[in-house]
Amino acid sequence: MLYKFKSKAAGDLILLEPQGKQFLQLIGKEVQPQGIIEPADMPTAVVALQAAIAQQEAEQLAAREHAKHQGMSPPVFEHISLRQRCKPIIDMLQRCHKENQAIVWGM
C-alpha cells in the first residue's frame, strides 16, 4: 500500500506504507487510510519531525562511540536516514503552512 499526501500548495508526496505510518505517528496523527493536516498543526508537526531526527542522530552517534570504545565494528544503520526521509515532508509542511493550505492523505 501507498500513502499519497496532496495539497493545493505543493506537489503530491507518495510514501510506502511503513514510512507513511511512521510519518503520521511522529506528527501525532492517528494512522488511518485517510486524513487531513490543517495548517495550524503544521508548525508542531515540523518540530516533532525535527526532534525525531535529532533523537535518531544522537542515538546513532552514541552507538558508534560505544562500538569504538569497545573495539567493535561500527553498527550499520538504514541506508536512508530519517533526515533524508523527512526532508520532502518537512518542505511540504512548510510550504503548505506558508500558503495556508491543508494536506490531505489517502491510501
PDB file of N, CA and C in Angstrom:
ATOM      1  N   MET A   1       0.830  -1.185   0.000  1.00  0.00           N
ATOM      2  CA  MET A   1       0.000   0.000   0.000  1.00  0.00           C
ATOM      3  C   MET A   1       0.877   1.252   0.000  1.00  0.00           C
ATOM      4  N   LEU A   2       0.298   2.308  -0.502  1.00  0.00           N
ATOM      5  CA  LEU A   2       0.979   3.602  -0.552  1.00  0.00           C
ATOM      6  C   LEU A   2       0.138   4.647   0.157  1.00  0.00           C
ATOM      7  N   TYR A   3       0.795   5.612   0.755  1.00  0.00           N
ATOM      8  CA  TYR A   3       0.129   6.802   1.269  1.00  0.00           C
ATOM      9  C   TYR A   3       0.403   7.925   0.279  1.00  0.00           C
ATOM     10  N   LYS A   4      -0.637   8.641  -0.099  1.00  0.00           N
ATOM     11  CA  LYS A   4      -0.478   9.771  -1.010  1.00  0.00           C
ATOM     12  C   LYS A   4      -0.922  11.027  -0.272  1.00  0.00           C
ATOM     13  N   PHE A   5       0.009  11.978  -0.124  1.00  0.00           N
ATOM     14  CA  PHE A   5      -0.253  13.247   0.544  1.00  0.00           C
ATOM     15  C   PHE A   5      -0.405  14.310  -0.537  1.00  0.00           C
ATOM     16  N   LYS A   6      -1.513  15.061  -0.472  1.00  0.00           N
ATOM     17  CA  LYS A   6      -1.828  16.034  -1.518  1.00  0.00           C
ATOM     18  C   LYS A   6      -2.178  17.383  -0.894  1.00  0.00           C
ATOM     19  N   SER A   7      -1.849  18.438  -1.641  1.00  0.00           N
ATOM     20  CA  SER A   7      -2.212  19.787  -1.245  1.00  0.00           C
ATOM     21  C   SER A   7      -2.220  20.682  -2.473  1.00  0.00           C
ATOM     22  N   LYS A   8      -2.981  21.763  -2.397  1.00  0.00           N
ATOM     23  CA  LYS A   8      -3.003  22.734  -3.485  1.00  0.00           C
ATOM     24  C   LYS A   8      -1.714  23.546  -3.535  1.00  0.00           C
ATOM     25  N   ALA A   9      -0.951  23.546  -2.446  1.00  0.00           N
ATOM     26  CA  ALA A   9       0.251  24.370  -2.364  1.00  0.00           C
ATOM     27  C   ALA A   9       1.538  23.629  -2.713  1.00  0.00           C
ATOM     28  N   ALA A  10       1.451  22.317  -2.912  1.00  0.00           N
ATOM     29  CA  ALA A  10       2.669  21.547  -3.173  1.00  0.00           C
ATOM     30  C   ALA A  10       2.338  20.342  -4.046  1.00  0.00           C
ATOM     31  N   GLY A  11       3.358  19.779  -4.632  1.00  0.00           N
ATOM     32  CA  GLY A  11       3.180  18.559  -5.409  1.00  0.00           C
ATOM     33  C   GLY A  11       2.827  17.395  -4.503  1.00  0.00           C
ATOM     34  N   ASP A  12       2.284  16.363  -5.090  1.00  0.00           N
ATOM     35  CA  ASP A  12       1.916  15.175  -4.326  1.00  0.00           C
ATOM     36  C   ASP A  12       3.174  14.497  -3.776  1.00  0.00           C
ATOM     37  N   LEU A  13       3.005  13.898  -2.628  1.00  0.00           N
ATOM     38  CA  LEU A  13       4.090  13.155  -1.986  1.00  0.00           C
ATOM     39  C   LEU A  13       3.574  11.745  -1.730  1.00  0.00           C
ATOM     40  N   ILE A  14       4.271  10.756  -2.256  1.00  0.00           N
ATOM     41  CA  ILE A  14       3.852   9.369  -2.116  1.00  0.00           C
ATOM     42  C   ILE A  14       4.874   8.638  -1.245  1.00  0.00           C
ATOM     43  N   LEU A  15       4.361   7.970  -0.210  1.00  0.00           N
ATOM     44  CA  LEU A  15       5.207   7.209   0.704  1.00  0.00           C
ATOM     45  C   LEU A  15       4.735   5.767   0.750  1.00  0.00           C
ATOM     46  N   LEU A  16       5.682   4.853   0.875  1.00  0.00           N
ATOM     47  CA  LEU A  16       5.321   3.462   1.112  1.00  0.00           C
ATOM     48  C   LEU A  16       4.625   3.369   2.468  1.00  0.00           C
ATOM     49  N   GLU A  17       3.859   2.327   2.668  1.00  0.00           N
ATOM     50  CA  GLU A  17       3.057   2.202   3.885  1.00  0.00           C
ATOM     51  C   GLU A  17       3.876   2.324   5.175  1.00  0.00           C
ATOM     52  N   PRO A  18       5.028   1.630   5.317  1.00  0.00           N
ATOM     53  CA  PRO A  18       5.775   1.766   6.578  1.00  0.00           C
ATOM     54  C   PRO A  18       6.225   3.201   6.856  1.00  0.00           C
ATOM     55  N   GLN A  19       6.694   3.898   5.818  1.00  0.00           N
ATOM     56  CA  GLN A  19       7.150   5.276   6.009  1.00  0.00           C
ATOM     57  C   GLN A  19       5.966   6.219   6.232  1.00  0.00           C
ATOM     58  N   GLY A  20       4.857   5.976   5.563  1.00  0.00           N
ATOM     59  CA  GLY A  20       3.662   6.785   5.779  1.00  0.00           C
ATOM     60  C   GLY A  20       3.154   6.664   7.198  1.00  0.00           C
ATOM     61  N   LYS A  21       3.116   5.442   7.714  1.00  0.00           N
ATOM     62  CA  LYS A  21       2.680   5.221   9.096  1.00  0.00           C
ATOM     63  C   LYS A  21       3.636   5.891  10.076  1.00  0.00           C
ATOM     64  N   GLN A  22       4.933   5.738   9.825  1.00  0.00           N
ATOM     65  CA  GLN A  22       5.935   6.340  10.701  1.00  0.00           C
ATOM     66  C   GLN A  22       5.763   7.865  10.736  1.00  0.00           C
ATOM     67  N   PHE A  23       5.595   8.465   9.579  1.00  0.00           N
ATOM     68  CA  PHE A  23       5.399   9.912   9.496  1.00  0.00           C
ATOM     69  C   PHE A  23       4.183  10.337  10.307  1.00  0.00           C
ATOM     70  N   LEU A  24       3.060   9.663  10.117  1.00  0.00           N
ATOM     71  CA  LEU A  24       1.840  10.023  10.836  1.00  0.00           C
ATOM     72  C   LEU A  24       2.024   9.865  12.345  1.00  0.00           C
ATOM     73  N   GLN A  25       2.676   8.796  12.765  1.00  0.00           N
ATOM     74  CA  GLN A  25       2.918   8.592  14.190  1.00  0.00           C
ATOM     75  C   GLN A  25       3.815   9.679  14.763  1.00  0.00           C
ATOM     76  N   LEU A  26       4.851  10.050  14.019  1.00  0.00           N
ATOM     77  CA  LEU A  26       5.786  11.064  14.508  1.00  0.00           C
ATOM     78  C   LEU A  26       5.116  12.422  14.698  1.00  0.00           C
ATOM     79  N   ILE A  27       4.141  12.739  13.855  1.00  0.00           N
ATOM     80  CA  ILE A  27       3.493  14.048  13.982  1.00  0.00           C
ATOM     81  C   ILE A  27       2.242  13.980  14.863  1.00  0.00           C
ATOM     82  N   GLY A  28       1.995  12.806  15.437  1.00  0.00           N
ATOM     83  CA  GLY A  28       0.889  12.678  16.371  1.00  0.00           C
ATOM     84  C   GLY A  28      -0.475  12.479  15.741  1.00  0.00           C
ATOM     85  N   LYS A  29      -0.500  12.042  14.502  1.00  0.00           N
ATOM     86  CA  LYS A  29      -1.766  11.777  13.831  1.00  0.00           C
ATOM     87  C   LYS A  29      -2.108  10.295  13.965  1.00  0.00           C
ATOM     88  N   GLU A  30      -3.401  10.011  14.017  1.00  0.00           N
ATOM     89  CA  GLU A  30      -3.843   8.627  14.058  1.00  0.00           C
ATOM     90  C   GLU A  30      -3.566   7.993  12.696  1.00  0.00           C
ATOM     91  N   VAL A  31      -3.003   6.804  12.718  1.00  0.00           N
ATOM     92  CA  VAL A  31      -2.713   6.096  11.471  1.00  0.00           C
ATOM     93  C   VAL A  31      -4.029   5.536  10.950  1.00  0.00           C
ATOM     94  N   GLN A  32      -4.464   6.095   9.850  1.00  0.00           N
ATOM     95  CA  GLN A  32      -5.708   5.667   9.226  1.00  0.00           C
ATOM     96  C   GLN A  32      -5.597   5.867   7.721  1.00  0.00           C
ATOM     97  N   PRO A  33      -6.508   5.264   6.955  1.00  0.00           N
ATOM     98  CA  PRO A  33      -6.408   5.326   5.492  1.00  0.00           C
ATOM     99  C   PRO A  33      -6.570   6.723   4.907  1.00  0.00           C
ATOM    100  N   GLN A  34      -7.258   7.607   5.601  1.00  0.00           N
ATOM    101  CA  GLN A  34      -7.465   8.971   5.105  1.00  0.00           C
ATOM    102  C   GLN A  34      -7.371   9.955   6.264  1.00  0.00           C
ATOM    103  N   GLY A  35      -7.007  11.175   5.924  1.00  0.00           N
ATOM    104  CA  GLY A  35      -6.952  12.192   6.957  1.00  0.00           C
ATOM    105  C   GLY A  35      -6.541  13.534   6.402  1.00  0.00           C
ATOM    106  N   ILE A  36      -6.392  14.471   7.322  1.00  0.00           N
ATOM    107  CA  ILE A  36      -6.048  15.838   6.935  1.00  0.00           C
ATOM    108  C   ILE A  36      -5.101  16.417   7.978  1.00  0.00           C
ATOM    109  N   ILE A  37      -4.178  17.230   7.496  1.00  0.00           N
ATOM    110  CA  ILE A  37      -3.300  18.003   8.369  1.00  0.00           C
ATOM    111  C   ILE A  37      -3.634  19.466   8.108  1.00  0.00           C
ATOM    112  N   GLU A  38      -4.171  20.109   9.101  1.00  0.00           N
ATOM    113  CA  GLU A  38      -4.568  21.508   8.970  1.00  0.00           C
ATOM    114  C   GLU A  38      -3.338  22.409   9.083  1.00  0.00           C
ATOM    115  N   PRO A  39      -3.359  23.574   8.429  1.00  0.00           N
ATOM    116  CA  PRO A  39      -2.223  24.494   8.502  1.00  0.00           C
ATOM    117  C   PRO A  39      -1.809  24.846   9.933  1.00  0.00           C
ATOM    118  N   ALA A  40      -2.770  24.966  10.837  1.00  0.00           N
ATOM    119  CA  ALA A  40      -2.449  25.316  12.223  1.00  0.00           C
ATOM    120  C   ALA A  40      -1.617  24.235  12.913  1.00  0.00           C
ATOM    121  N   ASP A  41      -1.721  22.993  12.446  1.00  0.00           N
ATOM    122  CA  ASP A  41      -0.987  21.880  13.048  1.00  0.00           C
ATOM    123  C   ASP A  41       0.402  21.684  12.448  1.00  0.00           C
ATOM    124  N   MET A  42       0.694  22.354  11.369  1.00  0.00           N
ATOM    125  CA  MET A  42       1.927  22.102  10.628  1.00  0.00           C
ATOM    126  C   MET A  42       3.208  22.524  11.359  1.00  0.00           C
ATOM    127  N   PRO A  43       3.251  23.680  12.037  1.00  0.00           N
ATOM    128  CA  PRO A  43       4.486  24.013  12.755  1.00  0.00           C
ATOM    129  C   PRO A  43       4.837  22.978  13.834  1.00  0.00           C
ATOM    130  N   THR A  44       3.825  22.489  14.542  1.00  0.00           N
ATOM    131  CA  THR A  44       4.058  21.463  15.559  1.00  0.00           C
ATOM    132  C   THR A  44       4.551  20.180  14.920  1.00  0.00           C
ATOM    133  N   ALA A  45       4.013  19.848  13.749  1.00  0.00           N
ATOM    134  CA  ALA A  45       4.445  18.646  13.038  1.00  0.00           C
ATOM    135  C   ALA A  45       5.910  18.762  12.627  1.00  0.00           C
ATOM    136  N   VAL A  46       6.309  19.926  12.145  1.00  0.00           N
ATOM    137  CA  VAL A  46       7.706  20.137  11.741  1.00  0.00           C
ATOM    138  C   VAL A  46       8.626  19.989  12.956  1.00  0.00           C
ATOM    139  N   VAL A  47       8.246  20.574  14.079  1.00  0.00           N
ATOM    140  CA  VAL A  47       9.057  20.472  15.299  1.00  0.00           C
ATOM    141  C   VAL A  47       9.169  19.007  15.736  1.00  0.00           C
ATOM    142  N   ALA A  48       8.075  18.267  15.665  1.00  0.00           N
ATOM    143  CA  ALA A  48       8.087  16.855  16.052  1.00  0.00           C
ATOM    144  C   ALA A  48       9.026  16.051  15.150  1.00  0.00           C
ATOM    145  N   LEU A  49       8.983  16.315  13.862  1.00  0.00           N
ATOM    146  CA  LEU A  49       9.867  15.611  12.927  1.00  0.00           C
ATOM    147  C   LEU A  49      11.332  15.967  13.189  1.00  0.00           C
ATOM    148  N   GLN A  50      11.603  17.246  13.421  1.00  0.00           N
ATOM    149  CA  GLN A  50      12.979  17.664  13.694  1.00  0.00           C
ATOM    150  C   GLN A  50      13.496  17.051  14.998  1.00  0.00           C
ATOM    151  N   ALA A  51      12.627  16.919  15.994  1.00  0.00           N
ATOM    152  CA  ALA A  51      13.022  16.289  17.255  1.00  0.00           C
ATOM    153  C   ALA A  51      13.316  14.801  17.046  1.00  0.00           C
ATOM    154  N   ALA A  52      12.510  14.131  16.248  1.00  0.00           N
ATOM    155  CA  ALA A  52      12.737  12.709  15.962  1.00  0.00           C
ATOM    156  C   ALA A  52      14.052  12.515  15.203  1.00  0.00           C
ATOM    157  N   ILE A  53      14.332  13.411  14.284  1.00  0.00           N
ATOM    158  CA  ILE A  53      15.587  13.347  13.529  1.00  0.00           C
ATOM    159  C   ILE A  53      16.770  13.517  14.480  1.00  0.00           C
ATOM    160  N   ALA A  54      16.696  14.526  15.341  1.00  0.00           N
ATOM    161  CA  ALA A  54      17.780  14.783  16.294  1.00  0.00           C
ATOM    162  C   ALA A  54      17.978  13.589  17.226  1.00  0.00           C
ATOM    163  N   GLN A  55      16.889  12.983  17.669  1.00  0.00           N
ATOM    164  CA  GLN A  55      16.986  11.823  18.555  1.00  0.00           C
ATOM    165  C   GLN A  55      17.652  10.652  17.840  1.00  0.00           C
ATOM    166  N   GLN A  56      17.233  10.387  16.607  1.00  0.00           N
ATOM    167  CA  GLN A  56      17.838   9.284  15.856  1.00  0.00           C
ATOM    168  C   GLN A  56      19.334   9.520  15.654  1.00  0.00           C
ATOM    169  N   GLU A  57      19.699  10.728  15.290  1.00  0.00           N
ATOM    170  CA  GLU A  57      21.111  11.026  15.050  1.00  0.00           C
ATOM    171  C   GLU A  57      21.934  10.912  16.327  1.00  0.00           C
ATOM    172  N   ALA A  58      21.378  11.342  17.467  1.00  0.00           N
ATOM    173  CA  ALA A  58      22.081  11.229  18.745  1.00  0.00           C
ATOM    174  C   ALA A  58      22.257   9.757  19.132  1.00  0.00           C
ATOM    175  N   GLU A  59      21.220   8.954  18.932  1.00  0.00           N
ATOM    176  CA  GLU A  59      21.303   7.527  19.248  1.00  0.00           C
ATOM    177  C   GLU A  59      22.333   6.832  18.364  1.00  0.00           C
ATOM    178  N   GLN A  60      22.372   7.185  17.093  1.00  0.00           N
ATOM    179  CA  GLN A  60      23.337   6.563  16.188  1.00  0.00           C
ATOM    180  C   GLN A  60      24.762   6.970  16.548  1.00  0.00           C
ATOM    181  N   LEU A  61      24.955   8.232  16.906  1.00  0.00           N
ATOM    182  CA  LEU A  61      26.282   8.692  17.313  1.00  0.00           C
ATOM    183  C   LEU A  61      26.725   7.965  18.577  1.00  0.00           C
ATOM    184  N   ALA A  62      25.820   7.824  19.536  1.00  0.00           N
ATOM    185  CA  ALA A  62      26.152   7.123  20.771  1.00  0.00           C
ATOM    186  C   ALA A  62      26.499   5.661  20.493  1.00  0.00           C
ATOM    187  N   ALA A  63      25.769   5.027  19.589  1.00  0.00           N
ATOM    188  CA  ALA A  63      26.051   3.631  19.247  1.00  0.00           C
ATOM    189  C   ALA A  63      27.413   3.500  18.572  1.00  0.00           C
ATOM    190  N   ARG A  64      27.740   4.454  17.699  1.00  0.00           N
ATOM    191  CA  ARG A  64      29.062   4.436  17.044  1.00  0.00           C
ATOM    192  C   ARG A  64      30.180   4.620  18.069  1.00  0.00           C
ATOM    193  N   GLU A  65      29.996   5.581  18.975  1.00  0.00           N
ATOM    194  CA  GLU A  65      31.010   5.844  20.008  1.00  0.00           C
ATOM    195  C   GLU A  65      31.177   4.634  20.926  1.00  0.00           C
ATOM    196  N   HIS A  66      30.071   4.025  21.298  1.00  0.00           N
ATOM    197  CA  HIS A  66      30.129   2.838  22.160  1.00  0.00           C
ATOM    198  C   HIS A  66      30.909   1.722  21.462  1.00  0.00           C
ATOM    199  N   ALA A  67      30.611   1.477  20.202  1.00  0.00           N
ATOM    200  CA  ALA A  67      31.312   0.433  19.454  1.00  0.00           C
ATOM    201  C   ALA A  67      32.802   0.751  19.348  1.00  0.00           C
ATOM    202  N   LYS A  68      33.121   2.008  19.127  1.00  0.00           N
ATOM    203  CA  LYS A  68      34.518   2.432  19.007  1.00  0.00           C
ATOM    204  C   LYS A  68      35.269   2.168  20.306  1.00  0.00           C
ATOM    205  N   HIS A  69      34.651   2.543  21.428  1.00  0.00           N
ATOM    206  CA  HIS A  69      35.300   2.360  22.732  1.00  0.00           C
ATOM    207  C   HIS A  69      35.405   0.891  23.125  1.00  0.00           C
ATOM    208  N   GLN A  70      34.534   0.062  22.595  1.00  0.00           N
ATOM    209  CA  GLN A  70      34.572  -1.370  22.889  1.00  0.00           C
ATOM    210  C   GLN A  70      35.462  -2.134  21.908  1.00  0.00           C
ATOM    211  N   GLY A  71      36.007  -1.411  20.913  1.00  0.00           N
ATOM    212  CA  GLY A  71      36.859  -2.043  19.915  1.00  0.00           C
ATOM    213  C   GLY A  71      36.073  -2.896  18.930  1.00  0.00           C
ATOM    214  N   MET A  72      34.807  -2.581  18.774  1.00  0.00           N
ATOM    215  CA  MET A  72      33.934  -3.344  17.887  1.00  0.00           C
ATOM    216  C   MET A  72      33.768  -2.598  16.566  1.00  0.00           C
ATOM    217  N   SER A  73      33.257  -3.310  15.579  1.00  0.00           N
ATOM    218  CA  SER A  73      32.936  -2.669  14.300  1.00  0.00           C
ATOM    219  C   SER A  73      31.770  -1.715  14.511  1.00  0.00           C
ATOM    220  N   PRO A  74      31.763  -0.596  13.794  1.00  0.00           N
ATOM    221  CA  PRO A  74      30.649   0.338  13.956  1.00  0.00           C
ATOM    222  C   PRO A  74      29.340  -0.292  13.484  1.00  0.00           C
ATOM    223  N   PRO A  75      28.233   0.043  14.118  1.00  0.00           N
ATOM    224  CA  PRO A  75      26.949  -0.511  13.701  1.00  0.00           C
ATOM    225  C   PRO A  75      26.550  -0.011  12.318  1.00  0.00           C
ATOM    226  N   VAL A  76      25.736  -0.798  11.657  1.00  0.00           N
ATOM    227  CA  VAL A  76      25.234  -0.444  10.334  1.00  0.00           C
ATOM    228  C   VAL A  76      23.781  -0.016  10.498  1.00  0.00           C
ATOM    229  N   PHE A  77      23.450   1.140   9.965  1.00  0.00           N
ATOM    230  CA  PHE A  77      22.095   1.679  10.052  1.00  0.00           C
ATOM    231  C   PHE A  77      21.462   1.654   8.666  1.00  0.00           C
ATOM    232  N   GLU A  78      20.173   1.971   8.613  1.00  0.00           N
ATOM    233  CA  GLU A  78      19.487   2.038   7.324  1.00  0.00           C
ATOM    234  C   GLU A  78      20.232   2.984   6.396  1.00  0.00           C
ATOM    235  N   HIS A  79      20.205   2.659   5.106  1.00  0.00           N
ATOM    236  CA  HIS A  79      20.911   3.487   4.131  1.00  0.00           C
ATOM    237  C   HIS A  79      20.281   4.872   4.004  1.00  0.00           C
ATOM    238  N   ILE A  80      18.983   4.954   4.225  1.00  0.00           N
ATOM    239  CA  ILE A  80      18.291   6.236   4.130  1.00  0.00           C
ATOM    240  C   ILE A  80      17.905   6.663   5.543  1.00  0.00           C
ATOM    241  N   SER A  81      18.464   7.760   5.974  1.00  0.00           N
ATOM    242  CA  SER A  81      18.221   8.234   7.341  1.00  0.00           C
ATOM    243  C   SER A  81      16.845   8.889   7.457  1.00  0.00           C
ATOM    244  N   LEU A  82      16.426   9.069   8.685  1.00  0.00           N
ATOM    245  CA  LEU A  82      15.162   9.759   8.930  1.00  0.00           C
ATOM    246  C   LEU A  82      15.234  11.193   8.404  1.00  0.00           C
ATOM    247  N   ARG A  83      16.397  11.814   8.526  1.00  0.00           N
ATOM    248  CA  ARG A  83      16.570  13.179   7.996  1.00  0.00           C
ATOM    249  C   ARG A  83      16.283  13.202   6.490  1.00  0.00           C
ATOM    250  N   GLN A  84      16.809  12.242   5.763  1.00  0.00           N
ATOM    251  CA  GLN A  84      16.595  12.188   4.320  1.00  0.00           C
ATOM    252  C   GLN A  84      15.128  11.891   3.986  1.00  0.00           C
ATOM    253  N   ARG A  85      14.531  10.980   4.753  1.00  0.00           N
ATOM    254  CA  ARG A  85      13.126  10.635   4.500  1.00  0.00           C
ATOM    255  C   ARG A  85      12.196  11.800   4.797  1.00  0.00           C
ATOM    256  N   CYS A  86      12.518  12.584   5.813  1.00  0.00           N
ATOM    257  CA  CYS A  86      11.624  13.658   6.248  1.00  0.00           C
ATOM    258  C   CYS A  86      11.806  14.959   5.478  1.00  0.00           C
ATOM    259  N   LYS A  87      12.904  15.108   4.764  1.00  0.00           N
ATOM    260  CA  LYS A  87      13.159  16.368   4.047  1.00  0.00           C
ATOM    261  C   LYS A  87      11.994  16.772   3.146  1.00  0.00           C
ATOM    262  N   PRO A  88      11.499  15.895   2.257  1.00  0.00           N
ATOM    263  CA  PRO A  88      10.379  16.317   1.408  1.00  0.00           C
ATOM    264  C   PRO A  88       9.100  16.574   2.201  1.00  0.00           C
ATOM    265  N   ILE A  89       8.913  15.835   3.280  1.00  0.00           N
ATOM    266  CA  ILE A  89       7.717  16.016   4.109  1.00  0.00           C
ATOM    267  C   ILE A  89       7.772  17.367   4.812  1.00  0.00           C
ATOM    268  N   ILE A  90       8.918  17.684   5.384  1.00  0.00           N
ATOM    269  CA  ILE A  90       9.081  18.972   6.065  1.00  0.00           C
ATOM    270  C   ILE A  90       8.905  20.115   5.072  1.00  0.00           C
ATOM    271  N   ASP A  91       9.495  19.983   3.889  1.00  0.00           N
ATOM    272  CA  ASP A  91       9.332  21.015   2.858  1.00  0.00           C
ATOM    273  C   ASP A  91       7.856  21.218   2.520  1.00  0.00           C
ATOM    274  N   MET A  92       7.131  20.108   2.379  1.00  0.00           N
ATOM    275  CA  MET A  92       5.705  20.196   2.055  1.00  0.00           C
ATOM    276  C   MET A  92       4.932  20.870   3.185  1.00  0.00           C
ATOM    277  N   LEU A  93       5.213  20.483   4.414  1.00  0.00           N
ATOM    278  CA  LEU A  93       4.533  21.094   5.562  1.00  0.00           C
ATOM    279  C   LEU A  93       4.792  22.603   5.621  1.00  0.00           C
ATOM    280  N   GLN A  94       6.035  22.995   5.432  1.00  0.00           N
ATOM    281  CA  GLN A  94       6.381  24.419   5.498  1.00  0.00           C
ATOM    282  C   GLN A  94       5.730  25.209   4.373  1.00  0.00           C
ATOM    283  N   ARG A  95       5.749  24.666   3.170  1.00  0.00           N
ATOM    284  CA  ARG A  95       5.135  25.357   2.034  1.00  0.00           C
ATOM    285  C   ARG A  95       3.622  25.492   2.234  1.00  0.00           C
ATOM    286  N   CYS A  96       2.984  24.409   2.646  1.00  0.00           N
ATOM    287  CA  CYS A  96       1.529  24.435   2.831  1.00  0.00           C
ATOM    288  C   CYS A  96       1.125  25.364   3.975  1.00  0.00           C
ATOM    289  N   HIS A  97       1.935  25.390   5.035  1.00  0.00           N
ATOM    290  CA  HIS A  97       1.643  26.312   6.143  1.00  0.00           C
ATOM    291  C   HIS A  97       1.748  27.754   5.671  1.00  0.00           C
ATOM    292  N   LYS A  98       2.801  28.041   4.921  1.00  0.00           N
ATOM    293  CA  LYS A  98       3.009  29.396   4.407  1.00  0.00           C
ATOM    294  C   LYS A  98       1.840  29.844   3.545  1.00  0.00           C
ATOM    295  N   GLU A  99       1.286  28.920   2.750  1.00  0.00           N
ATOM    296  CA  GLU A  99       0.184  29.262   1.849  1.00  0.00           C
ATOM    297  C   GLU A  99      -1.189  28.951   2.446  1.00  0.00           C
ATOM    298  N   ASN A 100      -1.192  28.550   3.725  1.00  0.00           N
ATOM    299  CA  ASN A 100      -2.434  28.271   4.463  1.00  0.00           C
ATOM    300  C   ASN A 100      -3.313  27.240   3.744  1.00  0.00           C
ATOM    301  N   GLN A 101      -2.666  26.168   3.302  1.00  0.00           N
ATOM    302  CA  GLN A 101      -3.371  25.089   2.604  1.00  0.00           C
ATOM    303  C   GLN A 101      -3.207  23.792   3.381  1.00  0.00           C
ATOM    304  N   ALA A 102      -4.295  23.068   3.529  1.00  0.00           N
ATOM    305  CA  ALA A 102      -4.263  21.783   4.220  1.00  0.00           C
ATOM    306  C   ALA A 102      -3.579  20.727   3.353  1.00  0.00           C
ATOM    307  N   ILE A 103      -3.163  19.667   4.028  1.00  0.00           N
ATOM    308  CA  ILE A 103      -2.641  18.482   3.353  1.00  0.00           C
ATOM    309  C   ILE A 103      -3.621  17.354   3.660  1.00  0.00           C
ATOM    310  N   VAL A 104      -4.068  16.673   2.629  1.00  0.00           N
ATOM    311  CA  VAL A 104      -4.933  15.511   2.821  1.00  0.00           C
ATOM    312  C   VAL A 104      -4.150  14.269   2.404  1.00  0.00           C
ATOM    313  N   TRP A 105      -4.487  13.153   3.028  1.00  0.00           N
ATOM    314  CA  TRP A 105      -3.844  11.923   2.610  1.00  0.00           C
ATOM    315  C   TRP A 105      -4.867  10.815   2.438  1.00  0.00           C
ATOM    316  N   GLY A 106      -4.468   9.878   1.625  1.00  0.00           N
ATOM    317  CA  GLY A 106      -5.282   8.702   1.391  1.00  0.00           C
ATOM    318  C   GLY A 106      -4.397   7.539   0.984  1.00  0.00           C
ATOM    319  N   MET A 107      -4.975   6.371   1.000  1.00  0.00           N
ATOM    320  CA  MET A 107      -4.232   5.159   0.618  1.00  0.00           C
ATOM    321  C   MET A 107      -4.748   4.682  -0.722  1.00  0.00           C
TER     322      MET A 107
END
